[in-house]
Protein backbone atom coordinates (compact mmCIF):
# COMPACT_ATOMS: atom_id res chain seq x y z
CA UNK A 1 1.86 -9.23 15.07
CA UNK A 2 3.92 -6.18 13.59
CA UNK A 3 4.21 -3.24 16.14
CA UNK A 4 3.02 0.24 14.82
CA UNK A 5 5.99 2.78 14.20
CA UNK A 6 3.84 5.18 12.45
CA UNK A 7 0.31 6.75 13.56
CA UNK A 8 -2.75 5.98 11.36
CA UNK A 9 -3.32 8.74 9.02
CA UNK A 10 -6.06 11.00 10.23
CA UNK A 11 -8.25 12.14 7.45
CA UNK A 12 -9.28 15.18 9.23
CA UNK A 13 -5.95 16.97 9.22
CA UNK A 14 -4.46 18.92 6.34
CA UNK A 15 -2.79 16.43 3.62
CA UNK A 16 0.79 16.72 2.73
CA UNK A 17 1.58 17.80 -0.93
CA UNK A 18 4.42 16.72 -3.29
CA UNK A 19 6.49 19.35 -5.40
CA UNK A 20 4.58 18.15 -8.60
CA UNK A 21 0.96 19.05 -6.96
CA UNK A 22 0.12 15.42 -6.12
CA UNK A 23 -0.67 14.13 -2.93
CA UNK A 24 2.17 13.00 -0.54
CA UNK A 25 1.92 9.28 0.28
CA UNK A 26 0.85 7.96 3.56
CA UNK A 27 2.43 4.29 2.81
CA UNK A 28 4.75 2.41 0.54
CA UNK A 29 3.07 -0.51 -1.24
CA UNK A 30 4.97 -3.52 -2.92
CA UNK A 31 3.52 -6.24 -4.61
CA UNK A 32 4.43 -9.01 -7.06
CA UNK A 33 2.25 -10.62 -9.55
CA UNK A 34 2.17 -14.54 -10.30
CA UNK A 35 0.41 -16.65 -12.69
CA UNK A 36 0.38 -20.01 -11.21
CA UNK A 37 -0.96 -23.27 -12.89
CA UNK A 38 -3.80 -25.10 -11.15
CA UNK A 39 -1.94 -28.03 -10.27
CA UNK A 40 0.72 -26.05 -8.75
CA UNK A 41 -1.32 -23.40 -6.59
CA UNK A 42 -1.62 -25.29 -3.20
CA UNK A 43 2.31 -26.01 -3.15
CA UNK A 44 2.67 -22.28 -4.06
CA UNK A 45 0.38 -21.08 -1.34
CA UNK A 46 2.43 -22.92 1.41
CA UNK A 47 5.75 -21.34 0.11
CA UNK A 48 4.44 -18.22 1.48
CA UNK A 49 3.90 -19.39 5.15
CA UNK A 50 7.36 -18.98 5.89
CA UNK A 51 7.73 -15.35 4.18
CA UNK A 52 4.90 -14.11 6.01
CA UNK A 53 6.65 -15.26 9.69
CA UNK A 54 9.70 -13.38 8.37
CA UNK A 55 7.66 -10.38 7.34
CA UNK A 56 6.01 -10.22 10.77
CA UNK A 57 9.63 -9.49 11.96
CA UNK A 58 10.54 -7.02 9.32
CA UNK A 59 11.06 -3.56 10.47
CA UNK A 60 8.95 -0.96 8.64
CA UNK A 61 6.19 -3.44 7.64
CA UNK A 62 2.57 -2.34 8.53
CA UNK A 63 0.77 -5.02 6.87
CA UNK A 64 1.02 -8.01 4.29
CA UNK A 65 -1.33 -10.69 2.78
CA UNK A 66 -1.09 -12.79 -0.24
CA UNK A 67 -4.20 -12.76 -2.40
CA UNK A 68 -5.86 -15.17 -5.02
CA UNK A 69 -7.83 -13.59 -7.77
CA UNK A 70 -11.57 -14.46 -7.60
CA UNK A 71 -14.46 -12.47 -9.39
CA UNK A 72 -14.05 -9.57 -11.86
CA UNK A 73 -16.95 -7.23 -13.36
CA UNK A 74 -17.28 -3.83 -15.43
CA UNK A 75 -14.86 -3.41 -18.34
CA UNK A 76 -13.50 -5.74 -20.67
CA UNK A 77 -12.87 -9.48 -19.43
CA UNK A 78 -9.27 -10.10 -18.11
CA UNK A 79 -6.91 -11.74 -20.53
CA UNK A 80 -5.92 -15.57 -19.97
CA UNK A 81 -2.29 -14.36 -19.09
CA UNK A 82 -3.70 -12.10 -16.26
CA UNK A 83 -2.05 -13.17 -12.53
CA UNK A 84 -4.04 -15.01 -10.35
CA UNK A 85 -1.80 -14.60 -7.34
CA UNK A 86 -0.43 -11.38 -5.91
CA UNK A 87 1.98 -10.54 -2.89
CA UNK A 88 0.79 -7.23 -1.18
CA UNK A 89 2.91 -5.55 1.24
CA UNK A 90 2.08 -2.14 3.04
CA UNK A 91 5.49 -0.45 4.51
CA UNK A 92 6.27 2.74 6.48
CA UNK A 93 8.56 3.93 3.63
CA UNK A 94 10.16 2.83 0.18
CA UNK A 95 13.37 2.72 2.47
CA UNK A 96 11.80 0.08 4.62
CA UNK A 97 10.98 -2.11 1.71
CA UNK A 98 14.26 -1.96 0.00
CA UNK A 99 15.75 -2.82 3.55
CA UNK A 100 13.78 -6.11 3.78
CA UNK A 101 15.41 -9.18 3.31
CA UNK A 102 12.57 -11.46 2.19
CA UNK A 103 12.82 -13.29 -1.17
CA UNK A 104 9.79 -12.01 -2.92
CA UNK A 105 10.33 -14.34 -5.90
CA UNK A 106 10.38 -11.60 -8.35
CA UNK A 107 12.12 -13.77 -10.68
CA UNK A 108 9.19 -15.91 -11.28
CA UNK A 109 6.60 -12.75 -11.09
CA UNK A 110 6.26 -9.29 -11.81
CA UNK A 111 6.67 -6.61 -9.48
CA UNK A 112 4.55 -3.54 -9.14
CA UNK A 113 5.05 -0.83 -6.58
CA UNK A 114 2.82 1.90 -5.41
CA UNK A 115 2.50 5.16 -3.27
CA UNK A 116 -0.42 4.39 -0.81
CA UNK A 117 -2.42 7.40 -0.51
CA UNK A 118 -5.24 8.09 2.29
CA UNK A 119 -4.79 5.13 4.23
CA UNK A 120 -7.74 4.12 6.49
CA UNK A 121 -7.77 0.93 9.01
CA UNK A 122 -9.07 -0.69 11.82
CA UNK A 123 -7.13 -2.61 14.35
CA UNK A 124 -6.84 -6.47 14.23
CA UNK A 125 -8.79 -6.49 17.72
CA UNK A 126 -11.98 -4.76 16.12
CA UNK A 127 -11.90 -6.18 12.43
CA UNK A 128 -10.59 -9.72 13.31
CA UNK A 129 -8.22 -9.91 10.55
CA UNK A 130 -6.09 -11.71 10.90
CA UNK A 131 -7.78 -14.15 12.95
CA UNK A 132 -6.31 -15.11 16.34
CA UNK A 133 -5.45 -18.59 15.07
CA UNK A 134 -4.63 -20.13 11.78
CA UNK A 135 -5.04 -23.79 10.80
CA UNK A 136 -2.71 -25.01 8.34
CA UNK A 137 -3.03 -28.45 6.49
CA UNK A 138 -0.19 -29.03 3.65
CA UNK A 139 -2.61 -30.96 1.53
CA UNK A 140 -5.29 -27.89 0.84
CA UNK A 141 -5.20 -24.57 0.08
CA UNK A 142 -4.32 -22.18 2.85
CA UNK A 143 -7.49 -20.80 4.72
CA UNK A 144 -9.20 -17.67 3.61
CA UNK A 145 -9.11 -14.59 5.86
CA UNK A 146 -10.48 -11.41 4.09
CA UNK A 147 -11.88 -10.21 0.86
CA UNK A 148 -10.31 -7.57 -1.23
CA UNK A 149 -12.28 -5.38 -3.93
CA UNK A 150 -9.88 -3.32 -6.22
CA UNK A 151 -11.07 -0.95 -8.81
CA UNK A 152 -8.50 -0.30 -11.59
CA UNK A 153 -8.22 3.22 -13.22
CA UNK A 154 -6.28 4.44 -16.12
CA UNK A 155 -6.22 8.23 -15.60
CA UNK A 156 -5.64 10.80 -18.46
CA UNK A 157 -2.32 12.66 -18.20
CA UNK A 158 -2.71 15.87 -16.79
CA UNK A 159 -5.75 14.68 -14.57
CA UNK A 160 -4.18 12.90 -11.91
CA UNK A 161 -4.36 15.94 -9.17
CA UNK A 162 -8.17 16.32 -10.18
CA UNK A 163 -8.68 12.31 -9.85
CA UNK A 164 -6.87 12.42 -6.27
CA UNK A 165 -8.70 15.31 -5.05
CA UNK A 166 -11.96 13.57 -5.68
CA UNK A 167 -10.51 10.61 -3.39
CA UNK A 168 -9.20 13.04 -0.82
CA UNK A 169 -12.84 14.59 -0.68
CA UNK A 170 -14.36 11.54 0.25
CA UNK A 171 -15.60 10.95 3.56
CA UNK A 172 -14.03 8.30 5.74
CA UNK A 173 -17.05 6.67 7.28
CA UNK A 174 -16.21 3.25 5.44
CA UNK A 175 -14.61 2.64 8.87
CA UNK A 176 -17.99 2.43 10.53
CA UNK A 177 -19.18 -0.21 8.12
CA UNK A 178 -19.53 -3.80 9.39
CA UNK A 179 -16.63 -5.86 8.08
CA UNK A 180 -14.39 -3.24 6.76
CA UNK A 181 -10.75 -3.89 7.61
CA UNK A 182 -8.75 -1.09 5.40
CA UNK A 183 -8.26 1.01 2.13
CA UNK A 184 -5.83 2.74 0.40
CA UNK A 185 -5.44 4.59 -3.32
CA UNK A 186 -2.58 3.32 -4.73
CA UNK A 187 -0.75 5.42 -7.43
CA UNK A 188 1.56 3.35 -9.68
CA UNK A 189 5.24 3.91 -9.35
CA UNK A 190 7.68 4.29 -12.21
CA UNK A 191 6.60 2.34 -15.76
CA UNK A 192 3.01 1.37 -15.88
CA UNK A 193 2.88 -1.96 -17.74
CA UNK A 194 -0.92 -2.42 -17.57
CA UNK A 195 -2.43 0.78 -17.92
CA UNK A 196 -3.61 1.10 -14.69
CA UNK A 197 -2.36 4.31 -13.19
CA UNK A 198 -4.40 3.99 -10.08
CA UNK A 199 -6.10 1.15 -7.98
CA UNK A 200 -8.55 1.65 -5.15
CA UNK A 201 -8.23 -1.39 -2.73
CA UNK A 202 -10.52 -2.07 0.12
CA UNK A 203 -10.11 -4.91 2.30
CA UNK A 204 -13.27 -6.25 3.98
CA UNK A 205 -13.70 -9.10 6.31
CA UNK A 206 -15.56 -11.57 3.73
CA UNK A 207 -17.76 -10.97 0.41
CA UNK A 208 -20.92 -10.54 2.62
CA UNK A 209 -19.37 -7.32 3.88
CA UNK A 210 -18.45 -6.06 0.69
CA UNK A 211 -21.83 -6.93 -0.86
CA UNK A 212 -23.55 -5.14 2.26
CA UNK A 213 -21.30 -1.87 1.28
CA UNK A 214 -22.40 -2.15 -2.22
CA UNK A 215 -26.14 -1.82 -1.06
CA UNK A 216 -25.66 1.12 1.54
CA UNK A 217 -26.01 4.71 1.41
CA UNK A 218 -22.19 5.02 1.90
CA UNK A 219 -21.81 3.32 -1.71
CA UNK A 220 -24.33 5.59 -3.19
CA UNK A 221 -22.76 8.77 -1.74
CA UNK A 222 -19.23 8.09 -2.96
CA UNK A 223 -20.40 6.81 -6.35
CA UNK A 224 -22.68 9.87 -7.09
CA UNK A 225 -21.54 11.97 -9.88
CA UNK A 226 -20.80 15.35 -8.43
CA UNK A 227 -18.58 16.68 -11.19
CA UNK A 228 -21.15 18.50 -13.29
CA UNK A 229 -19.83 19.47 -16.86
CA UNK A 230 -16.25 18.75 -16.01
CA UNK A 231 -14.07 16.42 -18.31
CA UNK A 232 -14.15 12.86 -17.00
CA UNK A 233 -10.26 11.67 -15.85
CA UNK A 234 -10.66 8.29 -17.45
CA UNK A 235 -8.79 7.25 -20.37
CA UNK A 236 -10.80 3.84 -19.90
CA UNK A 237 -13.41 2.32 -17.89
CA UNK A 238 -12.63 1.56 -14.41
CA UNK A 239 -12.28 -2.19 -14.02
CA UNK A 240 -13.13 -3.99 -10.52
CA UNK A 241 -11.23 -7.28 -9.80
CA UNK A 242 -11.92 -9.04 -6.44
CA UNK A 243 -9.33 -11.44 -4.40
CA UNK A 244 -9.70 -13.87 -1.53
CA UNK A 245 -6.65 -13.24 0.96
CA UNK A 246 -4.79 -15.64 2.88
CA UNK A 247 -1.62 -15.17 5.68
CA UNK A 248 -2.53 -11.77 6.56
CA UNK A 249 0.21 -9.87 8.55
CA UNK A 250 -0.92 -6.71 10.50
CA UNK A 251 0.45 -3.89 12.54
CA UNK A 252 -1.57 -3.27 15.61
CA UNK A 253 -3.26 -0.31 14.25
CA UNK A 254 -4.28 -2.40 11.39
CA UNK A 255 -1.88 -0.55 8.71
């Protein structure tokens, strides 16, 4: 398990801001997106086992998981060439990512990197993600260990601070809900190739925990419209995409 080197973000302390007025990142998030044919998926998953072991020893890594796309809803349907696997790494900093020697197969996938904002996580000892043991059978898919619900946002130019402030003002009671593992708001770095300038990214123990949250008072509060007559920051309708995760590696404090 990765040793913690940076204290978990405290939601009660004043948040740091960048010179451009946006919120400073808590973490740096690197991802690579892959489109893998069905008949190659078992072999593809197992190529990541050794990488996960290497990442567990990488300085500055906070959290890693491989993800396989599951259901999507809201917004237009996903295109046929939409990626179906994604590597997801959370780092102390961009420098830690750049110093990592692990081969992420970016030559066969597409990288997408982010600033990680408003990080919130539970320690693995509480969330039970990753599990204490992991049975691997080379003939089948790797065992799933958690469930991710992501919400993709395209934000109008000039409304980025307004959008981030909405998330900064939300309460952090997610951590009190059964099955919660971690949360970040991801802000796309550099060129955006998919119109998704921000992504909310929440990991749950399983889909049942996610569905319980959707039926909770927490969900109702966080999705209530408190903007009044303010102009919407959205350039397009948000899109929810979910994933099943495997080969999770975590810092002692969860992220």
